[in-house]
Amino acid sequence: MAPLLTGKDSIAPWQILAEDLKGALSANNLDDFCSRLKPFFADIPYDLPIPLERYYQTVFYMLLKFMGAEIMTEERTNMGRIDAVLQTPTHTYVVELKMGRSAQEALQQIRQKQYAQKYQLSGKLVTALGLAFDPQTKNIVDQAWQVL
């Protein structure tokens, strides 16, 4: 998209970020995936974020959708709604975001509401991913995951 907007054949930092995020997901490297998300959120000007979980869910969704990821939000199950579900050819990531709470609380919600059950017959490895955002720093401050 950079050449379209600038007329230059350059690779924008966001194109590199998208490729790095894709690579991390393909390799099931959630440490790398989460660490690469933080600079993206840090680049959002301080006076734009809305201190609501739904804001960060939307930004997360848009980033991953624009990079070409197979992502769904507000995915309904028999026990509730999953914030996001990411699919790769080999993995399903059940993602829960929390604002001002811990990533462990996000994982606990995924387990309690049995969100992953919907994906158990897919033949893919199912992983719960909890991301915690801090309203003061406006960024991810905690992440946790568990293979289910």
Protein backbone atom coordinates (compact mmCIF):
# COMPACT_ATOMS: atom_id res chain seq x y z
CA MET A 1 0.00 0.00 0.00
CA ALA A 2 2.96 2.34 0.60
CA PRO A 3 3.77 2.59 -3.13
CA LEU A 4 0.13 3.41 -3.86
CA LEU A 5 0.07 6.26 -1.34
CA THR A 6 3.60 7.63 -1.70
CA GLY A 7 4.53 6.77 -5.27
CA LYS A 8 7.70 5.12 -3.93
CA ASP A 9 8.69 1.47 -4.03
CA SER A 10 9.51 1.37 -0.35
CA ILE A 11 8.49 -1.03 2.35
CA ALA A 12 6.72 0.73 5.18
CA PRO A 13 7.41 -0.32 8.78
CA TRP A 14 3.80 -1.54 9.00
CA GLN A 15 4.36 -3.92 6.09
CA ILE A 16 7.33 -5.35 7.95
CA LEU A 17 5.24 -5.58 11.13
CA ALA A 18 2.50 -7.45 9.26
CA GLU A 19 5.01 -9.96 7.88
CA ASP A 20 6.62 -10.39 11.31
CA LEU A 21 3.24 -10.97 12.97
CA LYS A 22 2.29 -13.51 10.29
CA GLY A 23 5.60 -15.27 10.76
CA ALA A 24 5.21 -15.40 14.52
CA LEU A 25 1.72 -16.88 14.23
CA SER A 26 2.84 -19.38 11.60
CA ALA A 27 5.62 -20.52 13.93
CA ASN A 28 3.26 -20.51 16.93
CA ASN A 29 5.68 -18.10 18.61
CA LEU A 30 3.35 -16.15 20.88
CA ASP A 31 6.23 -14.44 22.73
CA ASP A 32 7.33 -12.87 19.47
CA PHE A 33 3.74 -12.15 18.36
CA CYS A 34 2.89 -10.28 21.58
CA SER A 35 6.18 -8.38 21.72
CA ARG A 36 5.61 -7.11 18.17
CA LEU A 37 2.12 -5.87 19.03
CA LYS A 38 3.41 -3.52 21.74
CA PRO A 39 5.23 -1.03 19.46
CA PHE A 40 2.12 -0.87 17.29
CA PHE A 41 -0.05 0.17 20.23
CA ALA A 42 2.70 2.52 21.48
CA ASP A 43 2.54 4.39 18.17
CA ILE A 44 -1.08 5.46 18.71
CA PRO A 45 -1.08 9.10 19.93
CA TYR A 46 -1.86 9.38 23.65
CA ASP A 47 -5.04 11.43 23.17
CA LEU A 48 -6.73 9.06 20.68
CA PRO A 49 -7.35 5.86 22.67
CA ILE A 50 -10.66 5.33 24.37
CA PRO A 51 -10.16 3.63 27.77
CA LEU A 52 -12.45 0.72 26.91
CA GLU A 53 -11.65 -2.90 26.18
CA ARG A 54 -13.74 -2.73 23.01
CA TYR A 55 -11.43 -0.01 21.57
CA TYR A 56 -8.39 -2.28 21.88
CA GLN A 57 -10.37 -5.23 20.54
CA THR A 58 -11.27 -3.18 17.45
CA VAL A 59 -7.69 -2.01 16.88
CA PHE A 60 -6.41 -5.59 17.34
CA TYR A 61 -9.01 -6.86 14.86
CA MET A 62 -8.26 -4.18 12.26
CA LEU A 63 -4.49 -4.72 12.44
CA LEU A 64 -4.80 -8.47 11.97
CA LYS A 65 -7.51 -8.21 9.32
CA PHE A 66 -5.43 -5.76 7.26
CA MET A 67 -2.40 -8.05 7.48
CA GLY A 68 -4.52 -10.81 5.94
CA ALA A 69 -5.14 -12.94 9.02
CA GLU A 70 -8.24 -15.07 9.33
CA ILE A 71 -9.80 -13.41 12.38
CA MET A 72 -13.31 -13.25 13.76
CA THR A 73 -14.54 -11.14 16.66
CA GLU A 74 -17.43 -11.59 19.07
CA GLU A 75 -17.58 -15.26 18.09
CA ARG A 76 -20.60 -16.77 19.82
CA THR A 77 -20.60 -20.07 21.68
CA ASN A 78 -23.15 -21.76 23.89
CA MET A 79 -21.54 -20.07 26.93
CA GLY A 80 -20.79 -16.53 25.71
CA ARG A 81 -18.82 -14.49 23.20
CA ILE A 82 -15.13 -14.81 22.42
CA ASP A 83 -13.32 -11.49 21.88
CA ALA A 84 -11.39 -12.85 18.88
CA VAL A 85 -10.55 -16.12 17.18
CA LEU A 86 -7.47 -16.34 14.96
CA GLN A 87 -7.08 -19.23 12.55
CA THR A 88 -3.90 -20.45 10.86
CA PRO A 89 -3.60 -23.63 8.82
CA THR A 90 -2.40 -25.50 11.94
CA HIS A 91 -3.64 -23.49 14.95
CA THR A 92 -6.71 -21.86 16.40
CA TYR A 93 -6.11 -19.03 18.88
CA VAL A 94 -8.96 -18.15 21.22
CA VAL A 95 -8.19 -14.59 22.31
CA GLU A 96 -9.62 -12.73 25.29
CA LEU A 97 -8.65 -9.11 25.97
CA LYS A 98 -8.89 -7.42 29.36
CA MET A 99 -8.67 -3.74 30.28
CA GLY A 100 -7.14 -3.03 33.67
CA ARG A 101 -7.17 -6.73 34.57
CA SER A 102 -4.70 -9.57 34.18
CA ALA A 103 -4.01 -11.91 31.30
CA GLN A 104 -4.58 -14.78 33.76
CA GLU A 105 -8.15 -13.51 34.25
CA ALA A 106 -8.58 -13.65 30.48
CA LEU A 107 -7.38 -17.27 30.41
CA GLN A 108 -9.64 -18.11 33.33
CA GLN A 109 -12.64 -16.77 31.40
CA ILE A 110 -11.72 -18.86 28.35
CA ARG A 111 -11.50 -21.97 30.52
CA GLN A 112 -14.62 -21.26 32.63
CA LYS A 113 -16.79 -20.54 29.61
CA GLN A 114 -15.23 -23.41 27.65
CA TYR A 115 -14.70 -21.19 24.63
CA ALA A 116 -12.19 -23.58 23.05
CA GLN A 117 -14.65 -26.48 23.05
CA LYS A 118 -16.18 -25.18 19.82
CA TYR A 119 -12.84 -25.77 18.04
CA GLN A 120 -11.78 -29.12 19.53
CA LEU A 121 -12.84 -31.15 16.48
CA SER A 122 -11.00 -28.92 13.98
CA GLY A 123 -7.86 -31.05 13.99
CA LYS A 124 -5.86 -27.94 14.85
CA LEU A 125 -3.93 -27.15 18.00
CA VAL A 126 -6.15 -24.84 20.09
CA THR A 127 -4.45 -22.21 22.23
CA ALA A 128 -6.01 -19.70 24.61
CA LEU A 129 -4.35 -16.26 24.50
CA GLY A 130 -5.03 -13.59 27.10
CA LEU A 131 -3.95 -10.00 26.50
CA ALA A 132 -4.18 -7.41 29.28
CA PHE A 133 -4.21 -3.69 28.48
CA ASP A 134 -3.46 -0.94 30.97
CA PRO A 135 -5.63 2.20 30.78
CA GLN A 136 -2.68 4.38 31.89
CA THR A 137 0.01 3.12 29.51
CA LYS A 138 -2.52 2.34 26.77
CA ASN A 139 -0.67 -0.80 25.83
CA ILE A 140 -0.36 -4.52 26.49
CA VAL A 141 1.10 -5.00 29.95
CA ASP A 142 0.55 -8.72 30.40
CA GLN A 143 0.05 -11.73 28.17
CA ALA A 144 -0.48 -15.39 28.86
CA TRP A 145 -1.38 -18.44 26.85
CA GLN A 146 -2.20 -22.05 27.34
CA VAL A 147 -2.60 -24.94 24.94
CA LEU A 148 -6.05 -26.42 25.52
